[in-house]
Amino acid sequence: MFTGLIETICTVKSVRRAAESMVLTIDLGKLADESKTGDSIAINGACLTIARLQGSLASFDVSAETLAKSTLGKLKPSSEVNVERSLKASDRFGGHFVLGHVDGTAKVDAIDKSGEYANIKFAAKAELLDAIVVKGSVAVDGISLTIAAVDIKSFSVSIIPETLKRTTLSKAKIGDYVNIETDIIVKTIKRQLDEILPKKQGLTAEKLRQLGY
């Protein structure tokens, strides 16, 4: 499990693609000193397992499912990625519960910078927006963020200077795609209510708000 608090930005060293999979090699820098083969690490929010570790270079096997759900297939040598190692039982918990299971992708639709702060709007599909609520949490490329606004086609977040400094969002451009993991708590409540409510009624983010969530 992860928290969405990015430890560092790392650089992709190589990408080796097969028919339906990929081997991704990333320079973990100092993080490699406390990492080992078999460790789980979130790369832009996608939980991957270190398959090989040579010095600071960690290689990850990326499955067809991960490639289909995330932006990892678009990475290339020199790409920068957000990195977070899995949470230890003794660690102080910050951010929110992040599993590293990407639900889908969203597109940067607008960027409004005000001094050192930034408001970013992401266009997303209905299945993602249905699990997003104002003041709730979302992981964007692995970064724990709070939802500032939601409409029928997009959601927005307000980003503080520290987050911009420590993550790849400082270089985000309109049209970029990012990995999205919605809040596991919202998803769990939504699934339970889907089982309870009449099937024809359906459940949306608006209905969740009406129910007090």
Protein backbone atom coordinates (compact mmCIF):
# COMPACT_ATOMS: atom_id res chain seq x y z
CA MET A 1 0.00 0.00 0.00
CA PHE A 2 1.07 3.60 -0.61
CA THR A 3 0.15 7.06 0.66
CA GLY A 4 0.40 9.23 -2.44
CA LEU A 5 3.27 11.23 -0.91
CA ILE A 6 5.92 11.13 -3.61
CA GLU A 7 9.45 10.43 -2.35
CA THR A 8 11.35 11.57 -5.41
CA ILE A 9 11.33 12.00 -9.18
CA CYS A 10 13.34 9.37 -11.06
CA THR A 11 14.43 8.99 -14.68
CA VAL A 12 13.55 6.18 -17.09
CA LYS A 13 16.74 4.62 -18.44
CA SER A 14 15.31 2.12 -20.91
CA VAL A 15 12.06 0.70 -22.23
CA ARG A 16 11.93 -2.75 -23.82
CA ARG A 17 8.58 -3.61 -25.39
CA ALA A 18 7.22 -7.04 -26.26
CA ALA A 19 3.94 -7.94 -27.98
CA GLU A 20 1.74 -7.38 -24.92
CA SER A 21 4.15 -6.42 -22.14
CA MET A 22 7.09 -4.18 -21.35
CA VAL A 23 10.27 -4.14 -19.28
CA LEU A 24 10.81 -0.73 -17.70
CA THR A 25 14.19 0.20 -16.22
CA ILE A 26 14.40 3.20 -13.91
CA ASP A 27 17.31 4.81 -12.08
CA LEU A 28 16.13 4.87 -8.46
CA GLY A 29 19.14 6.85 -7.29
CA LYS A 30 19.48 6.80 -3.49
CA LEU A 31 16.20 4.89 -3.10
CA ALA A 32 17.99 1.82 -4.48
CA ASP A 33 20.09 1.64 -1.30
CA GLU A 34 17.02 0.58 0.68
CA SER A 35 15.35 -1.46 -2.07
CA LYS A 36 15.62 -5.09 -3.10
CA THR A 37 14.27 -7.50 -5.69
CA GLY A 38 10.61 -8.22 -4.99
CA ASP A 39 9.84 -4.82 -3.46
CA SER A 40 6.70 -2.98 -4.56
CA ILE A 41 7.21 0.54 -5.87
CA ALA A 42 4.63 2.94 -7.31
CA ILE A 43 5.77 4.41 -10.62
CA ASN A 44 3.45 7.29 -11.59
CA GLY A 45 0.91 5.66 -9.33
CA ALA A 46 1.13 2.13 -10.77
CA CYS A 47 2.31 -0.53 -8.32
CA LEU A 48 5.19 -2.45 -9.90
CA THR A 49 7.55 -5.11 -8.53
CA ILE A 50 11.31 -4.88 -8.81
CA ALA A 51 12.29 -7.85 -10.99
CA ARG A 52 15.99 -7.01 -11.24
CA LEU A 53 18.21 -4.56 -9.38
CA GLN A 54 21.68 -3.67 -10.62
CA GLY A 55 23.24 -0.83 -8.69
CA SER A 56 20.68 1.97 -8.79
CA LEU A 57 18.92 0.57 -11.87
CA ALA A 58 15.66 -1.25 -11.15
CA SER A 59 13.83 -3.19 -13.84
CA PHE A 60 10.09 -3.85 -13.72
CA ASP A 61 7.95 -6.24 -15.76
CA VAL A 62 4.82 -4.38 -16.88
CA SER A 63 1.79 -6.50 -17.78
CA ALA A 64 -0.68 -6.01 -20.61
CA GLU A 65 -3.39 -5.03 -18.09
CA THR A 66 -1.21 -2.28 -16.60
CA LEU A 67 -0.32 -1.00 -20.05
CA ALA A 68 -4.01 -0.92 -21.01
CA LYS A 69 -5.09 0.96 -17.86
CA SER A 70 -2.20 3.40 -17.48
CA THR A 71 0.15 5.75 -19.28
CA LEU A 72 3.24 3.62 -18.65
CA GLY A 73 3.27 2.49 -22.28
CA LYS A 74 3.97 6.09 -23.30
CA LEU A 75 7.19 6.30 -21.27
CA LYS A 76 10.52 6.53 -23.05
CA PRO A 77 14.18 6.89 -22.03
CA SER A 78 14.70 10.22 -20.20
CA SER A 79 11.03 10.40 -19.10
CA GLU A 80 10.65 11.54 -15.50
CA VAL A 81 8.35 9.61 -13.16
CA ASN A 82 6.98 10.00 -9.65
CA VAL A 83 8.27 7.29 -7.30
CA GLU A 84 7.01 6.08 -3.93
CA ARG A 85 8.10 2.93 -2.13
CA SER A 86 5.44 0.85 -0.41
CA LEU A 87 4.46 1.84 3.11
CA LYS A 88 6.14 0.13 6.08
CA ALA A 89 3.99 -0.87 9.06
CA SER A 90 6.06 1.47 11.25
CA ASP A 91 5.80 4.50 8.93
CA ARG A 92 3.77 7.57 9.76
CA PHE A 93 0.74 7.65 7.50
CA GLY A 94 0.07 10.73 5.37
CA GLY A 95 -1.85 11.38 2.16
CA HIS A 96 -4.59 8.77 1.75
CA PHE A 97 -4.96 5.03 1.11
CA VAL A 98 -3.42 4.43 -2.33
CA LEU A 99 -3.25 0.86 -3.64
CA GLY A 100 -1.25 1.51 -6.79
CA HIS A 101 -4.05 0.01 -8.89
CA VAL A 102 -4.69 2.52 -11.65
CA ASP A 103 -8.37 2.86 -12.59
CA GLY A 104 -7.79 4.71 -15.84
CA THR A 105 -6.34 7.86 -17.33
CA ALA A 106 -7.40 11.50 -17.57
CA LYS A 107 -6.24 14.37 -19.78
CA VAL A 108 -4.92 17.71 -18.58
CA ASP A 109 -7.62 20.09 -19.79
CA ALA A 110 -6.59 23.41 -18.25
CA ILE A 111 -3.79 24.83 -16.08
CA ASP A 112 -4.27 28.04 -14.15
CA LYS A 113 -1.14 29.19 -12.32
CA SER A 114 -1.30 31.82 -9.61
CA GLY A 115 2.12 32.64 -8.26
CA GLU A 116 3.63 29.40 -6.97
CA TYR A 117 0.26 27.64 -6.88
CA ALA A 118 -1.57 25.85 -9.70
CA ASN A 119 -5.15 24.78 -10.39
CA ILE A 120 -5.32 21.92 -12.87
CA LYS A 121 -8.47 20.57 -14.52
CA PHE A 122 -8.52 17.00 -15.83
CA ALA A 123 -11.01 15.70 -18.39
CA ALA A 124 -12.08 12.16 -17.47
CA LYS A 125 -14.56 9.47 -18.40
CA ALA A 126 -17.80 8.97 -16.49
CA GLU A 127 -16.65 5.77 -14.79
CA LEU A 128 -13.85 7.71 -13.10
CA LEU A 129 -15.93 10.78 -12.28
CA ASP A 130 -18.61 8.62 -10.67
CA ALA A 131 -16.08 7.73 -7.95
CA ILE A 132 -14.84 11.29 -7.43
CA VAL A 133 -16.40 13.65 -4.88
CA VAL A 134 -15.56 17.22 -3.88
CA LYS A 135 -13.14 17.33 -0.92
CA GLY A 136 -12.44 13.64 -1.45
CA SER A 137 -9.06 12.21 -2.41
CA VAL A 138 -7.62 11.11 -5.73
CA ALA A 139 -4.19 9.89 -6.84
CA VAL A 140 -2.94 11.64 -9.99
CA ASP A 141 0.22 9.96 -11.31
CA GLY A 142 0.57 8.62 -7.78
CA ILE A 143 0.18 12.01 -6.07
CA SER A 144 -2.38 12.28 -3.28
CA LEU A 145 -4.57 15.29 -4.06
CA THR A 146 -7.84 16.75 -2.80
CA ILE A 147 -10.69 17.30 -5.24
CA ALA A 148 -11.56 20.99 -5.52
CA ALA A 149 -14.40 20.73 -8.07
CA VAL A 150 -16.24 18.16 -10.19
CA ASP A 151 -18.56 18.49 -13.17
CA ILE A 152 -19.99 16.02 -15.68
CA LYS A 153 -16.81 15.93 -17.79
CA SER A 154 -13.91 16.84 -15.51
CA PHE A 155 -12.49 17.38 -12.05
CA SER A 156 -10.09 19.99 -10.69
CA VAL A 157 -7.39 20.06 -8.03
CA SER A 158 -5.48 22.89 -6.37
CA ILE A 159 -1.77 22.19 -5.99
CA ILE A 160 0.52 23.79 -3.42
CA PRO A 161 4.12 24.84 -4.22
CA GLU A 162 5.66 21.94 -2.26
CA THR A 163 3.75 19.37 -4.32
CA LEU A 164 4.73 21.08 -7.57
CA LYS A 165 8.37 21.10 -6.50
CA ARG A 166 8.44 17.41 -5.57
CA THR A 167 6.43 15.93 -8.46
CA THR A 168 6.18 15.84 -12.23
CA LEU A 169 3.03 18.01 -12.18
CA SER A 170 5.31 21.05 -12.28
CA LYS A 171 5.97 20.17 -15.94
CA ALA A 172 2.41 19.18 -16.86
CA LYS A 173 1.09 20.51 -20.17
CA ILE A 174 -2.41 20.73 -21.61
CA GLY A 175 -3.10 17.51 -23.49
CA ASP A 176 -0.90 15.33 -21.27
CA TYR A 177 -2.43 12.12 -19.95
CA VAL A 178 -2.07 11.07 -16.31
CA ASN A 179 -2.84 7.94 -14.29
CA ILE A 180 -5.87 8.13 -12.01
CA GLU A 181 -6.66 6.01 -8.97
CA THR A 182 -9.90 7.00 -7.26
CA ASP A 183 -10.36 6.71 -3.52
CA ILE A 184 -10.82 3.08 -2.39
CA ILE A 185 -13.29 4.23 0.30
CA VAL A 186 -15.53 5.96 -2.25
CA LYS A 187 -15.30 2.94 -4.57
CA THR A 188 -16.26 0.56 -1.76
CA ILE A 189 -19.26 2.68 -0.72
CA LYS A 190 -20.34 3.03 -4.34
CA ARG A 191 -20.20 -0.73 -4.90
CA GLN A 192 -22.24 -1.43 -1.76
CA LEU A 193 -24.86 1.15 -2.69
CA ASP A 194 -25.03 -0.23 -6.24
CA GLU A 195 -26.06 -3.53 -4.67
CA ILE A 196 -28.70 -1.89 -2.49
CA LEU A 197 -30.25 0.70 -4.80
CA PRO A 198 -32.57 -0.27 -7.65
CA LYS A 199 -30.50 -1.20 -10.67
CA LYS A 200 -32.31 1.18 -13.01
CA GLN A 201 -31.60 4.12 -10.69
CA GLY A 202 -27.82 3.80 -10.87
CA LEU A 203 -25.31 5.63 -8.73
CA THR A 204 -23.45 8.78 -9.66
CA ALA A 205 -21.16 11.23 -7.86
CA GLU A 206 -24.21 13.54 -7.53
CA LYS A 207 -26.25 10.77 -5.89
CA LEU A 208 -23.39 10.11 -3.43
CA ARG A 209 -23.41 13.79 -2.50
CA GLN A 210 -27.17 13.70 -1.98
CA LEU A 211 -26.72 10.72 0.32
CA GLY A 212 -24.25 12.65 2.42
CA TYR A 213 -20.97 11.13 1.25
